[in-house]
Amino acid sequence: MTKPELRQKYKALRQSLSADAIEEKSLAIANRLLTLDIWSHDFYHVFLTIETQKEVNTDYLLNILAGKDKNIVISKSNFEDFSLSHYLLTDNAKLELNAYNIPEPVNGIPIEAQQLNVVFVPLLAFDKSGNRVGYGKGFYDRFLANCKPETLKIGLSFFEAEDQLIEASEDDVGLDFCMTPESVYVFKKSD
């Protein structure tokens, strides 16, 4: 399947999920994340859920990070150059939905991509090699390319890996892990 075909397939699969199924699967993903040895770092980047796209509800993950007193970083999208700017999520952060229904900070304390230790990555589909398909604008590939090489990239998906290898371009940044309600996929190569 091509990336556009995969996008269409997984958008349809997500739209078929009930609100209860989304919550149940999102909680299962958050619980599975607790089994990873990733909690000793300082800066964690989390995408805020686009409810209209029926994305994984990251509120459970945000609660875990807050409970562990971690620095939580969120992004604001620039649709002119398809880049992301990053801000520390604080108690007094004001969030607003942008034109694409993405919750974003209005302002805040800027954080550089190089400061991030772990990035939780939204996606539509992924394969067993850690390649992923997003919405097609390259926001996360540009962002992840600016992170440190050792920054952990963890995808969150309601669905299991595609058996077929997803075509990856040289600009695509692969995942180190992907979490589903049922599985932990590990792609990170040992040094």
C-alpha atoms as a PDB file:
ATOM      1  CA  MET A   1       0.000   0.000   0.000  1.00  0.00           C
ATOM      2  CA  THR A   2       1.137   3.536  -0.688  1.00  0.00           C
ATOM      3  CA  LYS A   3       1.322   6.136   2.075  1.00  0.00           C
ATOM      4  CA  PRO A   4      -1.871   7.870   0.820  1.00  0.00           C
ATOM      5  CA  GLU A   5      -3.673   4.497   0.832  1.00  0.00           C
ATOM      6  CA  LEU A   6      -2.421   3.765   4.360  1.00  0.00           C
ATOM      7  CA  ARG A   7      -3.570   7.219   5.527  1.00  0.00           C
ATOM      8  CA  GLN A   8      -7.027   6.605   4.107  1.00  0.00           C
ATOM      9  CA  LYS A   9      -7.235   3.103   5.616  1.00  0.00           C
ATOM     10  CA  TYR A  10      -6.161   4.126   9.124  1.00  0.00           C
ATOM     11  CA  LYS A  11      -8.202   7.331   9.223  1.00  0.00           C
ATOM     12  CA  ALA A  12     -11.262   5.189   8.418  1.00  0.00           C
ATOM     13  CA  LEU A  13     -10.295   2.606  11.067  1.00  0.00           C
ATOM     14  CA  ARG A  14      -9.907   5.339  13.689  1.00  0.00           C
ATOM     15  CA  GLN A  15     -13.209   6.972  12.739  1.00  0.00           C
ATOM     16  CA  SER A  16     -14.925   3.603  13.311  1.00  0.00           C
ATOM     17  CA  LEU A  17     -13.789   3.546  16.964  1.00  0.00           C
ATOM     18  CA  SER A  18     -16.324   4.492  19.623  1.00  0.00           C
ATOM     19  CA  ALA A  19     -15.469   7.040  22.306  1.00  0.00           C
ATOM     20  CA  ASP A  20     -15.375   4.187  24.863  1.00  0.00           C
ATOM     21  CA  ALA A  21     -13.004   2.146  22.690  1.00  0.00           C
ATOM     22  CA  ILE A  22     -10.673   5.149  22.297  1.00  0.00           C
ATOM     23  CA  GLU A  23     -10.528   5.659  26.069  1.00  0.00           C
ATOM     24  CA  GLU A  24     -10.007   1.949  26.769  1.00  0.00           C
ATOM     25  CA  LYS A  25      -7.243   1.618  24.152  1.00  0.00           C
ATOM     26  CA  SER A  26      -5.581   4.889  25.220  1.00  0.00           C
ATOM     27  CA  LEU A  27      -5.460   3.736  28.842  1.00  0.00           C
ATOM     28  CA  ALA A  28      -4.007   0.369  27.753  1.00  0.00           C
ATOM     29  CA  ILE A  29      -1.280   2.184  25.785  1.00  0.00           C
ATOM     30  CA  ALA A  30      -0.433   4.380  28.790  1.00  0.00           C
ATOM     31  CA  ASN A  31      -0.241   1.322  31.058  1.00  0.00           C
ATOM     32  CA  ARG A  32       2.007  -0.471  28.546  1.00  0.00           C
ATOM     33  CA  LEU A  33       4.302   2.587  28.464  1.00  0.00           C
ATOM     34  CA  LEU A  34       4.885   2.084  32.186  1.00  0.00           C
ATOM     35  CA  THR A  35       6.693  -1.182  31.342  1.00  0.00           C
ATOM     36  CA  LEU A  36       9.423   0.670  29.399  1.00  0.00           C
ATOM     37  CA  ASP A  37      12.631   1.817  31.067  1.00  0.00           C
ATOM     38  CA  ILE A  38      12.209   5.448  29.937  1.00  0.00           C
ATOM     39  CA  TRP A  39      11.231   7.263  33.118  1.00  0.00           C
ATOM     40  CA  SER A  40      14.629   8.493  34.362  1.00  0.00           C
ATOM     41  CA  HIS A  41      14.849  11.383  31.871  1.00  0.00           C
ATOM     42  CA  ASP A  42      13.957  15.039  32.353  1.00  0.00           C
ATOM     43  CA  PHE A  43      12.221  16.354  29.212  1.00  0.00           C
ATOM     44  CA  TYR A  44       9.305  14.502  27.576  1.00  0.00           C
ATOM     45  CA  HIS A  45       7.542  15.807  24.484  1.00  0.00           C
ATOM     46  CA  VAL A  46       3.871  14.819  24.211  1.00  0.00           C
ATOM     47  CA  PHE A  47       1.442  15.550  21.392  1.00  0.00           C
ATOM     48  CA  LEU A  48      -1.918  16.866  22.523  1.00  0.00           C
ATOM     49  CA  THR A  49      -4.821  14.810  21.174  1.00  0.00           C
ATOM     50  CA  ILE A  50      -6.735  15.996  18.112  1.00  0.00           C
ATOM     51  CA  GLU A  51     -10.146  14.693  19.172  1.00  0.00           C
ATOM     52  CA  THR A  52     -11.720  15.180  15.719  1.00  0.00           C
ATOM     53  CA  GLN A  53      -9.045  12.835  14.285  1.00  0.00           C
ATOM     54  CA  LYS A  54      -9.774  10.264  17.024  1.00  0.00           C
ATOM     55  CA  GLU A  55      -6.123  10.180  18.065  1.00  0.00           C
ATOM     56  CA  VAL A  56      -4.763   8.342  21.099  1.00  0.00           C
ATOM     57  CA  ASN A  57      -5.862  10.261  24.202  1.00  0.00           C
ATOM     58  CA  THR A  58      -2.587  11.429  25.730  1.00  0.00           C
ATOM     59  CA  ASP A  59      -4.245  12.709  28.935  1.00  0.00           C
ATOM     60  CA  TYR A  60      -3.316   9.409  30.627  1.00  0.00           C
ATOM     61  CA  LEU A  61       0.317   9.856  29.599  1.00  0.00           C
ATOM     62  CA  LEU A  62       0.274  13.488  30.771  1.00  0.00           C
ATOM     63  CA  ASN A  63      -0.981  12.299  34.173  1.00  0.00           C
ATOM     64  CA  ILE A  64       1.821   9.726  34.413  1.00  0.00           C
ATOM     65  CA  LEU A  65       4.445  12.361  33.585  1.00  0.00           C
ATOM     66  CA  ALA A  66       2.966  14.899  36.000  1.00  0.00           C
ATOM     67  CA  GLY A  67       2.872  12.232  38.717  1.00  0.00           C
ATOM     68  CA  LYS A  68       6.572  11.546  38.109  1.00  0.00           C
ATOM     69  CA  ASP A  69       7.269  15.314  38.226  1.00  0.00           C
ATOM     70  CA  LYS A  70       8.750  15.386  34.710  1.00  0.00           C
ATOM     71  CA  ASN A  71       9.126  18.375  32.398  1.00  0.00           C
ATOM     72  CA  ILE A  72       6.360  18.059  29.810  1.00  0.00           C
ATOM     73  CA  VAL A  73       6.857  19.786  26.471  1.00  0.00           C
ATOM     74  CA  ILE A  74       4.131  20.462  23.890  1.00  0.00           C
ATOM     75  CA  SER A  75       4.227  22.027  20.426  1.00  0.00           C
ATOM     76  CA  LYS A  76       2.729  24.775  18.356  1.00  0.00           C
ATOM     77  CA  SER A  77       2.448  24.280  14.571  1.00  0.00           C
ATOM     78  CA  ASN A  78       3.596  26.730  11.926  1.00  0.00           C
ATOM     79  CA  PHE A  79       1.675  25.896   8.754  1.00  0.00           C
ATOM     80  CA  GLU A  80       3.749  28.280   6.616  1.00  0.00           C
ATOM     81  CA  ASP A  81       6.925  26.202   6.880  1.00  0.00           C
ATOM     82  CA  PHE A  82       5.498  23.021   8.498  1.00  0.00           C
ATOM     83  CA  SER A  83       7.675  23.409  11.575  1.00  0.00           C
ATOM     84  CA  LEU A  84       6.948  22.987  15.271  1.00  0.00           C
ATOM     85  CA  SER A  85       7.980  25.244  18.134  1.00  0.00           C
ATOM     86  CA  HIS A  86       8.047  23.715  21.608  1.00  0.00           C
ATOM     87  CA  TYR A  87       6.944  25.003  25.004  1.00  0.00           C
ATOM     88  CA  LEU A  88       7.057  23.760  28.565  1.00  0.00           C
ATOM     89  CA  LEU A  89       3.592  22.757  29.752  1.00  0.00           C
ATOM     90  CA  THR A  90       3.029  24.602  33.023  1.00  0.00           C
ATOM     91  CA  ASP A  91       0.034  24.905  35.339  1.00  0.00           C
ATOM     92  CA  ASN A  92      -0.790  28.341  33.958  1.00  0.00           C
ATOM     93  CA  ALA A  93      -0.325  27.462  30.264  1.00  0.00           C
ATOM     94  CA  LYS A  94      -3.207  28.636  28.115  1.00  0.00           C
ATOM     95  CA  LEU A  95      -4.212  26.257  25.319  1.00  0.00           C
ATOM     96  CA  GLU A  96      -6.346  27.024  22.274  1.00  0.00           C
ATOM     97  CA  LEU A  97      -7.470  24.952  19.292  1.00  0.00           C
ATOM     98  CA  ASN A  98      -5.874  26.045  16.026  1.00  0.00           C
ATOM     99  CA  ALA A  99      -7.660  25.972  12.639  1.00  0.00           C
ATOM    100  CA  TYR A 100      -7.026  22.195  12.433  1.00  0.00           C
ATOM    101  CA  ASN A 101      -8.445  21.499  15.923  1.00  0.00           C
ATOM    102  CA  ILE A 102      -4.976  20.886  17.346  1.00  0.00           C
ATOM    103  CA  PRO A 103      -4.707  22.047  20.976  1.00  0.00           C
ATOM    104  CA  GLU A 104      -1.707  24.378  21.197  1.00  0.00           C
ATOM    105  CA  PRO A 105      -0.081  26.672  23.745  1.00  0.00           C
ATOM    106  CA  VAL A 106      -0.779  30.368  23.257  1.00  0.00           C
ATOM    107  CA  ASN A 107       2.592  31.227  24.795  1.00  0.00           C
ATOM    108  CA  GLY A 108       5.024  29.821  27.308  1.00  0.00           C
ATOM    109  CA  ILE A 109       8.611  28.958  28.085  1.00  0.00           C
ATOM    110  CA  PRO A 110      10.365  27.920  24.845  1.00  0.00           C
ATOM    111  CA  ILE A 111      12.220  24.592  24.797  1.00  0.00           C
ATOM    112  CA  GLU A 112      14.711  23.571  22.103  1.00  0.00           C
ATOM    113  CA  ALA A 113      14.388  20.183  20.358  1.00  0.00           C
ATOM    114  CA  GLN A 114      17.949  19.378  21.499  1.00  0.00           C
ATOM    115  CA  GLN A 115      16.764  19.449  25.142  1.00  0.00           C
ATOM    116  CA  LEU A 116      14.260  16.627  24.661  1.00  0.00           C
ATOM    117  CA  ASN A 117      15.002  13.121  25.932  1.00  0.00           C
ATOM    118  CA  VAL A 118      11.808  11.331  24.864  1.00  0.00           C
ATOM    119  CA  VAL A 119       9.297  12.232  22.139  1.00  0.00           C
ATOM    120  CA  PHE A 120       5.890  10.537  21.926  1.00  0.00           C
ATOM    121  CA  VAL A 121       5.001  10.548  18.235  1.00  0.00           C
ATOM    122  CA  PRO A 122       1.501  10.622  16.727  1.00  0.00           C
ATOM    123  CA  LEU A 123       0.980   8.434  13.676  1.00  0.00           C
ATOM    124  CA  LEU A 124      -1.615   6.771  11.500  1.00  0.00           C
ATOM    125  CA  ALA A 125       0.284   3.565  10.669  1.00  0.00           C
ATOM    126  CA  PHE A 126       3.685   1.946  11.199  1.00  0.00           C
ATOM    127  CA  ASP A 127       5.555  -1.166  10.103  1.00  0.00           C
ATOM    128  CA  LYS A 128       7.678  -3.757  11.883  1.00  0.00           C
ATOM    129  CA  SER A 129      10.863  -1.811  11.030  1.00  0.00           C
ATOM    130  CA  GLY A 130       9.787   1.415  12.773  1.00  0.00           C
ATOM    131  CA  ASN A 131       8.754   3.363   9.669  1.00  0.00           C
ATOM    132  CA  ARG A 132       5.617   5.389  10.183  1.00  0.00           C
ATOM    133  CA  VAL A 133       2.922   7.236   8.269  1.00  0.00           C
ATOM    134  CA  GLY A 134       1.626  10.523   9.644  1.00  0.00           C
ATOM    135  CA  TYR A 135      -0.697  13.084   8.129  1.00  0.00           C
ATOM    136  CA  GLY A 136       1.750  13.839   5.314  1.00  0.00           C
ATOM    137  CA  LYS A 137       3.048  17.339   6.047  1.00  0.00           C
ATOM    138  CA  GLY A 138       6.368  16.264   7.580  1.00  0.00           C
ATOM    139  CA  PHE A 139       6.023  18.256  10.821  1.00  0.00           C
ATOM    140  CA  TYR A 140       7.393  15.435  12.971  1.00  0.00           C
ATOM    141  CA  ASP A 141      10.140  14.366  10.550  1.00  0.00           C
ATOM    142  CA  ARG A 142      11.508  17.943  10.541  1.00  0.00           C
ATOM    143  CA  PHE A 143      11.167  18.147  14.321  1.00  0.00           C
ATOM    144  CA  LEU A 144      12.765  14.744  15.045  1.00  0.00           C
ATOM    145  CA  ALA A 145      15.667  15.499  12.708  1.00  0.00           C
ATOM    146  CA  ASN A 146      16.538  18.410  15.048  1.00  0.00           C
ATOM    147  CA  CYS A 147      16.548  16.266  18.206  1.00  0.00           C
ATOM    148  CA  LYS A 148      19.684  14.659  19.647  1.00  0.00           C
ATOM    149  CA  PRO A 149      20.493  11.279  18.052  1.00  0.00           C
ATOM    150  CA  GLU A 150      19.867   9.568  21.407  1.00  0.00           C
ATOM    151  CA  THR A 151      16.391  11.097  21.859  1.00  0.00           C
ATOM    152  CA  LEU A 152      13.905   8.230  22.137  1.00  0.00           C
ATOM    153  CA  LYS A 153      11.096   8.323  19.582  1.00  0.00           C
ATOM    154  CA  ILE A 154       8.027   6.396  20.727  1.00  0.00           C
ATOM    155  CA  GLY A 155       4.989   6.016  18.478  1.00  0.00           C
ATOM    156  CA  LEU A 156       1.500   5.531  19.914  1.00  0.00           C
ATOM    157  CA  SER A 157      -1.001   3.544  17.860  1.00  0.00           C
ATOM    158  CA  PHE A 158      -4.399   1.951  18.361  1.00  0.00           C
ATOM    159  CA  PHE A 159      -3.510  -0.638  15.698  1.00  0.00           C
ATOM    160  CA  GLU A 160      -0.778  -3.233  15.235  1.00  0.00           C
ATOM    161  CA  ALA A 161       2.122  -2.912  12.777  1.00  0.00           C
ATOM    162  CA  GLU A 162       1.613  -3.283   9.048  1.00  0.00           C
ATOM    163  CA  ASP A 163       3.249  -6.467   7.747  1.00  0.00           C
ATOM    164  CA  GLN A 164       4.234  -4.743   4.522  1.00  0.00           C
ATOM    165  CA  LEU A 165       7.251  -2.432   4.726  1.00  0.00           C
ATOM    166  CA  ILE A 166       6.237   1.230   4.509  1.00  0.00           C
ATOM    167  CA  GLU A 167       8.189   3.145   1.906  1.00  0.00           C
ATOM    168  CA  ALA A 168      10.521   5.582   3.685  1.00  0.00           C
ATOM    169  CA  SER A 169      12.221   8.578   2.128  1.00  0.00           C
ATOM    170  CA  GLU A 170      15.596   9.905   3.269  1.00  0.00           C
ATOM    171  CA  ASP A 171      13.777  12.648   5.237  1.00  0.00           C
ATOM    172  CA  ASP A 172      11.658  10.174   7.207  1.00  0.00           C
ATOM    173  CA  VAL A 173      12.755   9.617  10.811  1.00  0.00           C
ATOM    174  CA  GLY A 174      12.023   6.148  12.168  1.00  0.00           C
ATOM    175  CA  LEU A 175      10.767   5.156  15.590  1.00  0.00           C
ATOM    176  CA  ASP A 176      12.678   3.508  18.424  1.00  0.00           C
ATOM    177  CA  PHE A 177       9.515   2.002  19.923  1.00  0.00           C
ATOM    178  CA  CYS A 178       5.807   1.852  19.182  1.00  0.00           C
ATOM    179  CA  MET A 179       3.131   1.106  21.736  1.00  0.00           C
ATOM    180  CA  THR A 180      -0.273  -0.364  20.962  1.00  0.00           C
ATOM    181  CA  PRO A 181      -2.926  -1.549  23.415  1.00  0.00           C
ATOM    182  CA  GLU A 182      -1.639  -5.127  22.978  1.00  0.00           C
ATOM    183  CA  SER A 183       2.051  -4.837  22.066  1.00  0.00           C
ATOM    184  CA  VAL A 184       5.422  -3.192  22.606  1.00  0.00           C
ATOM    185  CA  TYR A 185       7.422  -2.910  19.376  1.00  0.00           C
ATOM    186  CA  VAL A 186      11.168  -2.291  19.775  1.00  0.00           C
ATOM    187  CA  PHE A 187      13.100  -0.930  16.793  1.00  0.00           C
ATOM    188  CA  LYS A 188      16.023   0.771  18.535  1.00  0.00           C
ATOM    189  CA  LYS A 189      19.255  -0.743  17.384  1.00  0.00           C
ATOM    190  CA  SER A 190      21.740  -1.676  20.101  1.00  0.00           C
ATOM    191  CA  ASP A 191      25.052   0.132  19.908  1.00  0.00           C
END
